[in-house]
Amino acid sequence: MYAKFHSIGAYVPSKVLSNADLEKMVDTSDEWIIKRTGIKERRIAAENEYTSDMAAKASELAIQRAGLAKEEIDLVVCATVTPDYFNMPATACIISDKLGIRNVQAFDISAACSGFVYALSVAKAFIESGMKKHVLIIGAEKFSSIVDYTDRTTCILFGDGAGAAVISATEDKSEAIIDIHASADGSYADFLVTPAPGAVHPASEQVLAQGLNFVQMKGNETFKLAVKTLTQDVKNILAHNNIDSKDIPHFVPHQANYRIIKAVGDALKMSDEQVVLTVHKYGNTSAASIPMAINDIYESGRLKKGELMLLDTFGGGLTWASGLMPFAGE
């Protein structure tokens, strides 16, 4: 039994936060943001629109496109670092309830920007072991809930959104997910961190006063390590499977920063046509980034059944992952 990438869906909030808007909030400029990141705008969820709401909308679409009834989903995995609630219940449980999926295993994964590919590896393992047949995996973030909009180094980067995919069992090896590599190195944990609330910094007035509930990032250090790690990870997975980069029609990197994507693409000798770009209109949506990008090329008609996708991501933990698979949807 193999696991196939059966369908894709995504949801983006209606509110747009442009660089011009940010110019009125912090000391920055449209020209500087575009030059440094490639981001022109990002989407921001409504105040009463939560991670589970966006995830449920993306999931509805993915299940519909898979041609399945909700009752056929037998596992729900949500990758997020902006859950509806701190530590419990899992956002996956709330999503399942909103979808009307009952009595099915559901849990969250916290791997930051690498979360969706981590969830993909979990789905693959569950299916290939024979334990599950149709796994709903989700990357969803309300990053605006942990961004300090007075910090110009981070507030320009992040946006909100959700993407979801159905991973299904198949006996057809030509449809199968080929390979997934995933790893982590906790010695770089302070490169990208939300310090509180947690066991280290429990909720308190001091935590709020110091802004420890907001995401913090060592930008330059993260940039350099991301380019090096992502490039090597892709080289490894391609070599391991005897595939040349020129034979990949869709390279889908994590949409964090155009300069990172460009550096990795150039190092791998990828053409502009091969590299999927959405960072300019959505910013960095963390775990939602890759499924949102896949959905973008699917809805534009660029992604066809049987075409190879190469996923590559890097995030807080630090975590990183890559995946190689044909798109098995219609």
C-alpha atoms as a PDB file:
ATOM      1  CA  MET A   1       0.000   0.000   0.000  1.00  0.00           C
ATOM      2  CA  TYR A   2       1.255   3.468  -0.934  1.00  0.00           C
ATOM      3  CA  ALA A   3       0.281   7.011   0.026  1.00  0.00           C
ATOM      4  CA  LYS A   4      -0.717   9.536  -2.636  1.00  0.00           C
ATOM      5  CA  PHE A   5      -1.150  13.317  -2.584  1.00  0.00           C
ATOM      6  CA  HIS A   6      -4.850  13.165  -3.446  1.00  0.00           C
ATOM      7  CA  SER A   7      -6.097  16.772  -3.337  1.00  0.00           C
ATOM      8  CA  ILE A   8      -5.360  20.330  -2.255  1.00  0.00           C
ATOM      9  CA  GLY A   9      -7.374  23.264  -0.897  1.00  0.00           C
ATOM     10  CA  ALA A  10      -6.658  26.634   0.670  1.00  0.00           C
ATOM     11  CA  TYR A  11      -8.270  29.652   2.255  1.00  0.00           C
ATOM     12  CA  VAL A  12      -7.034  33.232   2.612  1.00  0.00           C
ATOM     13  CA  PRO A  13      -8.719  35.983   4.651  1.00  0.00           C
ATOM     14  CA  SER A  14     -10.211  38.920   2.770  1.00  0.00           C
ATOM     15  CA  LYS A  15      -8.323  41.687   4.588  1.00  0.00           C
ATOM     16  CA  VAL A  16      -5.140  42.819   2.833  1.00  0.00           C
ATOM     17  CA  LEU A  17      -2.255  44.413   4.745  1.00  0.00           C
ATOM     18  CA  SER A  18      -0.100  46.198   2.180  1.00  0.00           C
ATOM     19  CA  ASN A  19       3.363  47.657   2.492  1.00  0.00           C
ATOM     20  CA  ALA A  20       1.744  51.082   2.259  1.00  0.00           C
ATOM     21  CA  ASP A  21      -0.329  50.204   5.329  1.00  0.00           C
ATOM     22  CA  LEU A  22       2.814  49.163   7.212  1.00  0.00           C
ATOM     23  CA  GLU A  23       4.507  52.451   6.314  1.00  0.00           C
ATOM     24  CA  LYS A  24       1.881  54.146   8.500  1.00  0.00           C
ATOM     25  CA  MET A  25       2.505  51.748  11.407  1.00  0.00           C
ATOM     26  CA  VAL A  26       6.304  51.416  11.654  1.00  0.00           C
ATOM     27  CA  ASP A  27       9.452  53.048  10.283  1.00  0.00           C
ATOM     28  CA  THR A  28       9.716  51.196   6.977  1.00  0.00           C
ATOM     29  CA  SER A  29       8.994  51.644   3.277  1.00  0.00           C
ATOM     30  CA  ASP A  30       7.466  49.703   0.409  1.00  0.00           C
ATOM     31  CA  GLU A  31      10.765  49.847  -1.478  1.00  0.00           C
ATOM     32  CA  TRP A  32      12.758  48.492   1.478  1.00  0.00           C
ATOM     33  CA  ILE A  33      10.323  45.652   2.183  1.00  0.00           C
ATOM     34  CA  ILE A  34      10.214  44.509  -1.441  1.00  0.00           C
ATOM     35  CA  LYS A  35      13.999  44.723  -1.810  1.00  0.00           C
ATOM     36  CA  ARG A  36      14.655  42.735   1.364  1.00  0.00           C
ATOM     37  CA  THR A  37      11.795  40.216   1.249  1.00  0.00           C
ATOM     38  CA  GLY A  38       9.891  40.365  -2.033  1.00  0.00           C
ATOM     39  CA  ILE A  39       6.641  40.814  -0.086  1.00  0.00           C
ATOM     40  CA  LYS A  40       4.090  43.339  -1.375  1.00  0.00           C
ATOM     41  CA  GLU A  41       1.110  42.409   0.781  1.00  0.00           C
ATOM     42  CA  ARG A  42      -0.188  39.793   3.174  1.00  0.00           C
ATOM     43  CA  ARG A  43      -3.641  38.646   4.353  1.00  0.00           C
ATOM     44  CA  ILE A  44      -4.879  39.241   7.907  1.00  0.00           C
ATOM     45  CA  ALA A  45      -7.676  37.265   9.559  1.00  0.00           C
ATOM     46  CA  ALA A  46     -10.637  39.072  11.087  1.00  0.00           C
ATOM     47  CA  GLU A  47     -10.645  39.487  14.860  1.00  0.00           C
ATOM     48  CA  ASN A  48     -13.242  36.734  15.260  1.00  0.00           C
ATOM     49  CA  GLU A  49     -11.694  34.490  12.575  1.00  0.00           C
ATOM     50  CA  TYR A  50      -9.494  31.834  14.145  1.00  0.00           C
ATOM     51  CA  THR A  51      -6.944  29.307  12.954  1.00  0.00           C
ATOM     52  CA  SER A  52      -9.584  26.541  13.078  1.00  0.00           C
ATOM     53  CA  ASP A  53     -12.009  28.608  10.968  1.00  0.00           C
ATOM     54  CA  MET A  54      -9.490  29.116   8.169  1.00  0.00           C
ATOM     55  CA  ALA A  55      -8.395  25.488   8.408  1.00  0.00           C
ATOM     56  CA  ALA A  56     -11.965  24.194   8.184  1.00  0.00           C
ATOM     57  CA  LYS A  57     -12.620  26.204   5.006  1.00  0.00           C
ATOM     58  CA  ALA A  58      -9.429  24.930   3.355  1.00  0.00           C
ATOM     59  CA  SER A  59     -10.269  21.377   4.466  1.00  0.00           C
ATOM     60  CA  GLU A  60     -13.811  21.487   3.055  1.00  0.00           C
ATOM     61  CA  LEU A  61     -12.327  22.291  -0.340  1.00  0.00           C
ATOM     62  CA  ALA A  62      -9.638  19.600  -0.162  1.00  0.00           C
ATOM     63  CA  ILE A  63     -12.163  16.901   0.834  1.00  0.00           C
ATOM     64  CA  GLN A  64     -14.549  17.980  -1.917  1.00  0.00           C
ATOM     65  CA  ARG A  65     -11.777  17.904  -4.537  1.00  0.00           C
ATOM     66  CA  ALA A  66     -10.769  14.419  -3.377  1.00  0.00           C
ATOM     67  CA  GLY A  67     -14.303  13.253  -4.140  1.00  0.00           C
ATOM     68  CA  LEU A  68     -14.725  11.897  -0.631  1.00  0.00           C
ATOM     69  CA  ALA A  69     -17.410  12.068   2.009  1.00  0.00           C
ATOM     70  CA  LYS A  70     -16.252  13.539   5.314  1.00  0.00           C
ATOM     71  CA  GLU A  71     -17.032  10.191   6.937  1.00  0.00           C
ATOM     72  CA  GLU A  72     -14.187   8.632   4.928  1.00  0.00           C
ATOM     73  CA  ILE A  73     -11.533  10.790   6.617  1.00  0.00           C
ATOM     74  CA  ASP A  74      -9.959   8.658   9.347  1.00  0.00           C
ATOM     75  CA  LEU A  75      -7.209  10.961  10.681  1.00  0.00           C
ATOM     76  CA  VAL A  76      -6.879  14.744  11.013  1.00  0.00           C
ATOM     77  CA  VAL A  77      -3.461  16.335  11.567  1.00  0.00           C
ATOM     78  CA  CYS A  78      -3.056  20.084  11.907  1.00  0.00           C
ATOM     79  CA  ALA A  79       0.329  21.800  11.711  1.00  0.00           C
ATOM     80  CA  THR A  80       0.260  25.165  13.468  1.00  0.00           C
ATOM     81  CA  VAL A  81       2.162  27.374  15.893  1.00  0.00           C
ATOM     82  CA  THR A  82      -0.862  29.626  16.379  1.00  0.00           C
ATOM     83  CA  PRO A  83      -3.445  27.212  17.816  1.00  0.00           C
ATOM     84  CA  ASP A  84      -6.872  28.423  18.858  1.00  0.00           C
ATOM     85  CA  TYR A  85      -5.968  27.703  22.478  1.00  0.00           C
ATOM     86  CA  PHE A  86      -2.709  27.428  24.376  1.00  0.00           C
ATOM     87  CA  ASN A  87      -1.739  23.738  24.662  1.00  0.00           C
ATOM     88  CA  MET A  88      -5.249  22.216  24.672  1.00  0.00           C
ATOM     89  CA  PRO A  89      -7.518  21.281  23.087  1.00  0.00           C
ATOM     90  CA  ALA A  90      -5.641  20.548  19.870  1.00  0.00           C
ATOM     91  CA  THR A  91      -6.802  22.731  17.003  1.00  0.00           C
ATOM     92  CA  ALA A  92      -7.232  19.546  14.937  1.00  0.00           C
ATOM     93  CA  CYS A  93     -10.006  18.496  17.330  1.00  0.00           C
ATOM     94  CA  ILE A  94     -11.794  21.818  16.841  1.00  0.00           C
ATOM     95  CA  ILE A  95     -11.388  21.595  13.063  1.00  0.00           C
ATOM     96  CA  SER A  96     -12.835  18.064  13.084  1.00  0.00           C
ATOM     97  CA  ASP A  97     -15.857  19.301  15.021  1.00  0.00           C
ATOM     98  CA  LYS A  98     -16.404  22.214  12.623  1.00  0.00           C
ATOM     99  CA  LEU A  99     -16.232  19.799   9.687  1.00  0.00           C
ATOM    100  CA  GLY A 100     -18.608  17.331  11.304  1.00  0.00           C
ATOM    101  CA  ILE A 101     -15.956  14.611  11.416  1.00  0.00           C
ATOM    102  CA  ARG A 102     -16.786  12.465  14.465  1.00  0.00           C
ATOM    103  CA  ASN A 103     -14.903   9.827  16.459  1.00  0.00           C
ATOM    104  CA  VAL A 104     -11.706  10.177  14.439  1.00  0.00           C
ATOM    105  CA  GLN A 105      -8.136  10.529  15.705  1.00  0.00           C
ATOM    106  CA  ALA A 106      -7.015  14.181  15.588  1.00  0.00           C
ATOM    107  CA  PHE A 107      -3.887  15.950  16.823  1.00  0.00           C
ATOM    108  CA  ASP A 108      -1.594  18.917  16.186  1.00  0.00           C
ATOM    109  CA  ILE A 109       2.025  19.135  15.073  1.00  0.00           C
ATOM    110  CA  SER A 110       4.276  22.013  16.116  1.00  0.00           C
ATOM    111  CA  ALA A 111       7.145  22.302  13.647  1.00  0.00           C
ATOM    112  CA  ALA A 112       6.636  25.948  12.613  1.00  0.00           C
ATOM    113  CA  CYS A 113       7.140  26.543   8.875  1.00  0.00           C
ATOM    114  CA  SER A 114       8.066  22.879   8.329  1.00  0.00           C
ATOM    115  CA  GLY A 115       4.805  21.688   9.877  1.00  0.00           C
ATOM    116  CA  PHE A 116       2.922  20.780   6.705  1.00  0.00           C
ATOM    117  CA  VAL A 117       5.698  18.558   5.343  1.00  0.00           C
ATOM    118  CA  TYR A 118       6.102  17.020   8.802  1.00  0.00           C
ATOM    119  CA  ALA A 119       2.347  16.275   8.736  1.00  0.00           C
ATOM    120  CA  LEU A 120       2.772  14.807   5.258  1.00  0.00           C
ATOM    121  CA  SER A 121       5.393  12.394   6.605  1.00  0.00           C
ATOM    122  CA  VAL A 122       3.022  11.344   9.390  1.00  0.00           C
ATOM    123  CA  ALA A 123       0.198  10.737   6.921  1.00  0.00           C
ATOM    124  CA  LYS A 124       2.489   8.686   4.682  1.00  0.00           C
ATOM    125  CA  ALA A 125       3.559   6.516   7.616  1.00  0.00           C
ATOM    126  CA  PHE A 126      -0.008   5.928   8.834  1.00  0.00           C
ATOM    127  CA  ILE A 127      -1.189   4.943   5.364  1.00  0.00           C
ATOM    128  CA  GLU A 128       1.764   2.732   4.445  1.00  0.00           C
ATOM    129  CA  SER A 129       1.395   0.890   7.762  1.00  0.00           C
ATOM    130  CA  GLY A 130      -2.214   0.103   6.859  1.00  0.00           C
ATOM    131  CA  MET A 131      -3.613   1.981   9.863  1.00  0.00           C
ATOM    132  CA  LYS A 132      -5.421   4.729   7.880  1.00  0.00           C
ATOM    133  CA  LYS A 133      -6.818   5.204   4.359  1.00  0.00           C
ATOM    134  CA  HIS A 134      -7.641   8.914   4.007  1.00  0.00           C
ATOM    135  CA  VAL A 135      -5.701  11.433   6.090  1.00  0.00           C
ATOM    136  CA  LEU A 136      -6.564  15.132   6.187  1.00  0.00           C
ATOM    137  CA  ILE A 137      -3.446  17.231   6.779  1.00  0.00           C
ATOM    138  CA  ILE A 138      -3.617  20.962   7.386  1.00  0.00           C
ATOM    139  CA  GLY A 139      -1.213  23.866   7.700  1.00  0.00           C
ATOM    140  CA  ALA A 140      -2.998  26.838   9.235  1.00  0.00           C
ATOM    141  CA  GLU A 141      -1.804  30.004  10.938  1.00  0.00           C
ATOM    142  CA  LYS A 142      -3.229  33.166  12.422  1.00  0.00           C
ATOM    143  CA  PHE A 143       0.254  34.626  12.687  1.00  0.00           C
ATOM    144  CA  SER A 144      -1.141  38.112  13.232  1.00  0.00           C
ATOM    145  CA  SER A 145      -2.059  36.921  16.741  1.00  0.00           C
ATOM    146  CA  ILE A 146       1.618  36.576  17.725  1.00  0.00           C
ATOM    147  CA  VAL A 147       3.149  39.458  15.747  1.00  0.00           C
ATOM    148  CA  ASP A 148       4.198  42.719  17.414  1.00  0.00           C
ATOM    149  CA  TYR A 149       3.071  45.410  14.976  1.00  0.00           C
ATOM    150  CA  THR A 150       5.537  47.863  16.496  1.00  0.00           C
ATOM    151  CA  ASP A 151       8.487  45.590  15.605  1.00  0.00           C
ATOM    152  CA  ARG A 152       9.462  46.422  12.036  1.00  0.00           C
ATOM    153  CA  THR A 153      11.798  43.416  11.753  1.00  0.00           C
ATOM    154  CA  THR A 154       8.973  40.872  12.078  1.00  0.00           C
ATOM    155  CA  CYS A 155       5.651  42.583  11.314  1.00  0.00           C
ATOM    156  CA  ILE A 156       6.532  43.023   7.637  1.00  0.00           C
ATOM    157  CA  LEU A 157       7.031  39.285   7.134  1.00  0.00           C
ATOM    158  CA  PHE A 158       4.008  37.349   8.328  1.00  0.00           C
ATOM    159  CA  GLY A 159       0.452  36.787   7.174  1.00  0.00           C
ATOM    160  CA  ASP A 160      -2.527  34.540   7.889  1.00  0.00           C
ATOM    161  CA  GLY A 161      -4.056  31.677   5.926  1.00  0.00           C
ATOM    162  CA  ALA A 162      -4.614  27.946   5.659  1.00  0.00           C
ATOM    163  CA  GLY A 163      -3.984  25.073   3.292  1.00  0.00           C
ATOM    164  CA  ALA A 164      -5.126  21.469   3.447  1.00  0.00           C
ATOM    165  CA  ALA A 165      -4.563  18.234   1.566  1.00  0.00           C
ATOM    166  CA  VAL A 166      -6.046  14.761   1.562  1.00  0.00           C
ATOM    167  CA  ILE A 167      -3.453  11.986   1.524  1.00  0.00           C
ATOM    168  CA  SER A 168      -4.989   8.677   0.471  1.00  0.00           C
ATOM    169  CA  ALA A 169      -4.054   5.033   0.147  1.00  0.00           C
ATOM    170  CA  THR A 170      -3.345   3.655  -3.323  1.00  0.00           C
ATOM    171  CA  GLU A 171      -2.041   0.431  -4.832  1.00  0.00           C
ATOM    172  CA  ASP A 172      -0.715   2.322  -7.862  1.00  0.00           C
ATOM    173  CA  LYS A 173       2.985   2.989  -7.291  1.00  0.00           C
ATOM    174  CA  SER A 174       3.046   5.639 -10.030  1.00  0.00           C
ATOM    175  CA  GLU A 175       0.803   7.813  -7.813  1.00  0.00           C
ATOM    176  CA  ALA A 176       2.828   7.283  -4.642  1.00  0.00           C
ATOM    177  CA  ILE A 177       4.680   9.864  -2.582  1.00  0.00           C
ATOM    178  CA  ILE A 178       8.273   9.093  -3.537  1.00  0.00           C
ATOM    179  CA  ASP A 179      10.218  10.331  -0.524  1.00  0.00           C
ATOM    180  CA  ILE A 180      10.171  12.693   2.441  1.00  0.00           C
ATOM    181  CA  HIS A 181      13.166  13.925   4.421  1.00  0.00           C
ATOM    182  CA  ALA A 182      12.596  15.707   7.734  1.00  0.00           C
ATOM    183  CA  SER A 183      14.999  16.775  10.445  1.00  0.00           C
ATOM    184  CA  ALA A 184      15.665  19.243  13.256  1.00  0.00           C
ATOM    185  CA  ASP A 185      18.391  20.856  15.349  1.00  0.00           C
ATOM    186  CA  GLY A 186      17.270  22.307  18.668  1.00  0.00           C
ATOM    187  CA  SER A 187      20.614  24.009  19.293  1.00  0.00           C
ATOM    188  CA  TYR A 188      19.305  26.838  17.088  1.00  0.00           C
ATOM    189  CA  ALA A 189      16.027  27.164  19.004  1.00  0.00           C
ATOM    190  CA  ASP A 190      16.589  30.843  19.806  1.00  0.00           C
ATOM    191  CA  PHE A 191      16.778  31.804  16.099  1.00  0.00           C
ATOM    192  CA  LEU A 192      12.974  31.789  15.816  1.00  0.00           C
ATOM    193  CA  VAL A 193      10.957  31.641  19.013  1.00  0.00           C
ATOM    194  CA  THR A 194       7.779  32.764  20.749  1.00  0.00           C
ATOM    195  CA  PRO A 195       9.049  32.924  24.359  1.00  0.00           C
ATOM    196  CA  ALA A 196       5.708  32.885  26.179  1.00  0.00           C
ATOM    197  CA  PRO A 197       3.431  31.617  27.522  1.00  0.00           C
ATOM    198  CA  GLY A 198       5.035  28.320  28.442  1.00  0.00           C
ATOM    199  CA  ALA A 199       6.839  26.511  31.223  1.00  0.00           C
ATOM    200  CA  VAL A 200       9.879  28.782  30.832  1.00  0.00           C
ATOM    201  CA  HIS A 201       7.832  31.985  30.925  1.00  0.00           C
ATOM    202  CA  PRO A 202       4.362  31.334  32.382  1.00  0.00           C
ATOM    203  CA  ALA A 203       1.684  33.941  31.704  1.00  0.00           C
ATOM    204  CA  SER A 204       2.197  37.036  33.833  1.00  0.00           C
ATOM    205  CA  GLU A 205       2.023  40.824  33.708  1.00  0.00           C
ATOM    206  CA  GLN A 206       5.794  40.845  33.200  1.00  0.00           C
ATOM    207  CA  VAL A 207       5.474  38.593  30.123  1.00  0.00           C
ATOM    208  CA  LEU A 208       3.011  41.029  28.558  1.00  0.00           C
ATOM    209  CA  ALA A 209       5.054  44.076  29.510  1.00  0.00           C
ATOM    210  CA  GLN A 210       8.156  42.603  27.856  1.00  0.00           C
ATOM    211  CA  GLY A 211       6.262  41.399  24.789  1.00  0.00           C
ATOM    212  CA  LEU A 212       7.390  37.803  25.275  1.00  0.00           C
ATOM    213  CA  ASN A 213       4.092  36.602  23.789  1.00  0.00           C
ATOM    214  CA  PHE A 214       5.222  37.833  20.356  1.00  0.00           C
ATOM    215  CA  VAL A 215       7.395  36.008  17.828  1.00  0.00           C
ATOM    216  CA  GLN A 216      11.100  36.897  17.932  1.00  0.00           C
ATOM    217  CA  MET A 217      13.601  36.182  15.169  1.00  0.00           C
ATOM    218  CA  LYS A 218      17.313  36.501  14.538  1.00  0.00           C
ATOM    219  CA  GLY A 219      16.848  37.505  10.933  1.00  0.00           C
ATOM    220  CA  ASN A 220      20.376  37.512   9.491  1.00  0.00           C
ATOM    221  CA  GLU A 221      21.406  34.272  11.191  1.00  0.00           C
ATOM    222  CA  THR A 222      18.195  32.525  10.123  1.00  0.00           C
ATOM    223  CA  PHE A 223      18.588  33.728   6.528  1.00  0.00           C
ATOM    224  CA  LYS A 224      22.112  32.340   6.143  1.00  0.00           C
ATOM    225  CA  LEU A 225      21.330  28.994   7.727  1.00  0.00           C
ATOM    226  CA  ALA A 226      18.087  28.642   5.747  1.00  0.00           C
ATOM    227  CA  VAL A 227      19.799  29.055   2.371  1.00  0.00           C
ATOM    228  CA  LYS A 228      22.532  26.563   3.272  1.00  0.00           C
ATOM    229  CA  THR A 229      20.190  23.973   4.799  1.00  0.00           C
ATOM    230  CA  LEU A 230      17.430  24.152   2.171  1.00  0.00           C
ATOM    231  CA  THR A 231      19.891  23.837  -0.705  1.00  0.00           C
ATOM    232  CA  GLN A 232      21.631  20.819   0.786  1.00  0.00           C
ATOM    233  CA  ASP A 233      18.364  19.140   1.751  1.00  0.00           C
ATOM    234  CA  VAL A 234      17.037  19.357  -1.803  1.00  0.00           C
ATOM    235  CA  LYS A 235      20.304  18.119  -3.267  1.00  0.00           C
ATOM    236  CA  ASN A 236      20.144  15.143  -0.894  1.00  0.00           C
ATOM    237  CA  ILE A 237      16.582  14.105  -1.708  1.00  0.00           C
ATOM    238  CA  LEU A 238      17.139  14.443  -5.463  1.00  0.00           C
ATOM    239  CA  ALA A 239      20.377  12.446  -5.342  1.00  0.00           C
ATOM    240  CA  HIS A 240      18.808   9.786  -3.122  1.00  0.00           C
ATOM    241  CA  ASN A 241      16.079   9.254  -5.721  1.00  0.00           C
ATOM    242  CA  ASN A 242      18.261   9.711  -8.835  1.00  0.00           C
ATOM    243  CA  ILE A 243      16.238  12.688 -10.084  1.00  0.00           C
ATOM    244  CA  ASP A 244      17.737  15.756 -11.759  1.00  0.00           C
ATOM    245  CA  SER A 245      16.502  19.209 -10.768  1.00  0.00           C
ATOM    246  CA  LYS A 246      15.670  19.999 -14.409  1.00  0.00           C
ATOM    247  CA  ASP A 247      13.070  17.203 -14.330  1.00  0.00           C
ATOM    248  CA  ILE A 248      11.042  18.869 -11.551  1.00  0.00           C
ATOM    249  CA  PRO A 249       8.212  20.967 -13.061  1.00  0.00           C
ATOM    250  CA  HIS A 250       7.107  22.380  -9.701  1.00  0.00           C
ATOM    251  CA  PHE A 251       9.618  23.370  -7.020  1.00  0.00           C
ATOM    252  CA  VAL A 252       7.478  24.558  -4.077  1.00  0.00           C
ATOM    253  CA  PRO A 253       9.692  26.161  -1.422  1.00  0.00           C
ATOM    254  CA  HIS A 254       8.496  27.634   1.833  1.00  0.00           C
ATOM    255  CA  GLN A 255       7.431  31.204   1.076  1.00  0.00           C
ATOM    256  CA  ALA A 256       9.431  33.101   3.695  1.00  0.00           C
ATOM    257  CA  ASN A 257      11.567  35.512   1.725  1.00  0.00           C
ATOM    258  CA  TYR A 258      12.143  35.956  -2.006  1.00  0.00           C
ATOM    259  CA  ARG A 259      15.902  36.291  -1.536  1.00  0.00           C
ATOM    260  CA  ILE A 260      16.042  32.872   0.168  1.00  0.00           C
ATOM    261  CA  ILE A 261      13.899  31.285  -2.567  1.00  0.00           C
ATOM    262  CA  LYS A 262      16.016  32.897  -5.299  1.00  0.00           C
ATOM    263  CA  ALA A 263      19.311  31.811  -3.698  1.00  0.00           C
ATOM    264  CA  VAL A 264      18.150  28.203  -3.316  1.00  0.00           C
ATOM    265  CA  GLY A 265      16.641  28.082  -6.810  1.00  0.00           C
ATOM    266  CA  ASP A 266      19.823  29.426  -8.367  1.00  0.00           C
ATOM    267  CA  ALA A 267      21.994  26.973  -6.435  1.00  0.00           C
ATOM    268  CA  LEU A 268      19.855  24.124  -7.775  1.00  0.00           C
ATOM    269  CA  LYS A 269      19.840  25.569 -11.319  1.00  0.00           C
ATOM    270  CA  MET A 270      16.044  25.866 -11.263  1.00  0.00           C
ATOM    271  CA  SER A 271      14.415  28.093 -13.884  1.00  0.00           C
ATOM    272  CA  ASP A 272      11.893  30.787 -12.927  1.00  0.00           C
ATOM    273  CA  GLU A 273       9.168  28.625 -14.507  1.00  0.00           C
ATOM    274  CA  GLN A 274       9.966  25.774 -12.119  1.00  0.00           C
ATOM    275  CA  VAL A 275       9.918  27.838  -8.912  1.00  0.00           C
ATOM    276  CA  VAL A 276       6.506  28.493  -7.360  1.00  0.00           C
ATOM    277  CA  LEU A 277       6.205  32.001  -5.890  1.00  0.00           C
ATOM    278  CA  THR A 278       3.406  33.374  -3.716  1.00  0.00           C
ATOM    279  CA  VAL A 279       5.431  35.267  -1.094  1.00  0.00           C
ATOM    280  CA  HIS A 280       4.717  38.580  -2.825  1.00  0.00           C
ATOM    281  CA  LYS A 281       0.980  38.369  -2.128  1.00  0.00           C
ATOM    282  CA  TYR A 282       0.713  36.302   1.059  1.00  0.00           C
ATOM    283  CA  GLY A 283       3.984  36.884   2.940  1.00  0.00           C
ATOM    284  CA  ASN A 284       5.201  34.158   5.264  1.00  0.00           C
ATOM    285  CA  THR A 285       2.239  32.073   6.444  1.00  0.00           C
ATOM    286  CA  SER A 286       4.415  29.501   8.230  1.00  0.00           C
ATOM    287  CA  ALA A 287       2.864  25.998   8.115  1.00  0.00           C
ATOM    288  CA  ALA A 288       0.209  27.218   5.666  1.00  0.00           C
ATOM    289  CA  SER A 289       2.795  28.457   3.176  1.00  0.00           C
ATOM    290  CA  ILE A 290       3.437  25.322   1.118  1.00  0.00           C
ATOM    291  CA  PRO A 291      -0.167  24.071   0.792  1.00  0.00           C
ATOM    292  CA  MET A 292      -1.303  27.599  -0.101  1.00  0.00           C
ATOM    293  CA  ALA A 293       1.378  27.720  -2.813  1.00  0.00           C
ATOM    294  CA  ILE A 294       0.374  24.296  -4.168  1.00  0.00           C
ATOM    295  CA  ASN A 295      -3.255  25.417  -4.247  1.00  0.00           C
ATOM    296  CA  ASP A 296      -2.210  28.542  -6.142  1.00  0.00           C
ATOM    297  CA  ILE A 297      -0.680  26.584  -9.030  1.00  0.00           C
ATOM    298  CA  TYR A 298      -3.555  24.086  -8.950  1.00  0.00           C
ATOM    299  CA  GLU A 299      -6.235  26.764  -9.261  1.00  0.00           C
ATOM    300  CA  SER A 300      -4.285  28.596 -11.986  1.00  0.00           C
ATOM    301  CA  GLY A 301      -4.171  25.391 -14.041  1.00  0.00           C
ATOM    302  CA  ARG A 302      -0.397  25.019 -13.831  1.00  0.00           C
ATOM    303  CA  LEU A 303      -0.468  21.827 -11.747  1.00  0.00           C
ATOM    304  CA  LYS A 304      -1.628  18.753 -13.643  1.00  0.00           C
ATOM    305  CA  LYS A 305      -2.183  15.174 -12.528  1.00  0.00           C
ATOM    306  CA  GLY A 306       1.020  13.142 -12.474  1.00  0.00           C
ATOM    307  CA  GLU A 307       3.378  16.138 -12.437  1.00  0.00           C
ATOM    308  CA  LEU A 308       6.206  16.035  -9.923  1.00  0.00           C
ATOM    309  CA  MET A 309       6.322  18.408  -6.986  1.00  0.00           C
ATOM    310  CA  LEU A 310       9.408  19.065  -4.876  1.00  0.00           C
ATOM    311  CA  LEU A 311       8.597  20.629  -1.501  1.00  0.00           C
ATOM    312  CA  ASP A 312      11.262  22.289   0.633  1.00  0.00           C
ATOM    313  CA  THR A 313      10.853  24.085   3.954  1.00  0.00           C
ATOM    314  CA  PHE A 314      12.700  25.484   6.947  1.00  0.00           C
ATOM    315  CA  GLY A 315      11.340  26.829  10.230  1.00  0.00           C
ATOM    316  CA  GLY A 316      11.550  27.356  13.951  1.00  0.00           C
ATOM    317  CA  GLY A 317      12.968  24.513  16.003  1.00  0.00           C
ATOM    318  CA  LEU A 318      14.993  24.709  13.926  1.00  0.00           C
ATOM    319  CA  THR A 319      13.227  22.251  11.639  1.00  0.00           C
ATOM    320  CA  TRP A 320      13.523  21.499   7.953  1.00  0.00           C
ATOM    321  CA  ALA A 321      11.971  19.059   5.518  1.00  0.00           C
ATOM    322  CA  SER A 322      11.656  18.183   1.851  1.00  0.00           C
ATOM    323  CA  GLY A 323       9.228  16.013  -0.065  1.00  0.00           C
ATOM    324  CA  LEU A 324       9.108  14.541  -3.549  1.00  0.00           C
ATOM    325  CA  MET A 325       5.838  13.326  -5.057  1.00  0.00           C
ATOM    326  CA  PRO A 326       3.537  13.388  -8.076  1.00  0.00           C
ATOM    327  CA  PHE A 327       0.274  15.268  -7.772  1.00  0.00           C
ATOM    328  CA  ALA A 328      -2.373  12.553  -7.810  1.00  0.00           C
ATOM    329  CA  GLY A 329      -5.449  14.769  -7.978  1.00  0.00           C
ATOM    330  CA  GLU A 330      -7.622  15.553 -10.966  1.00  0.00           C
END
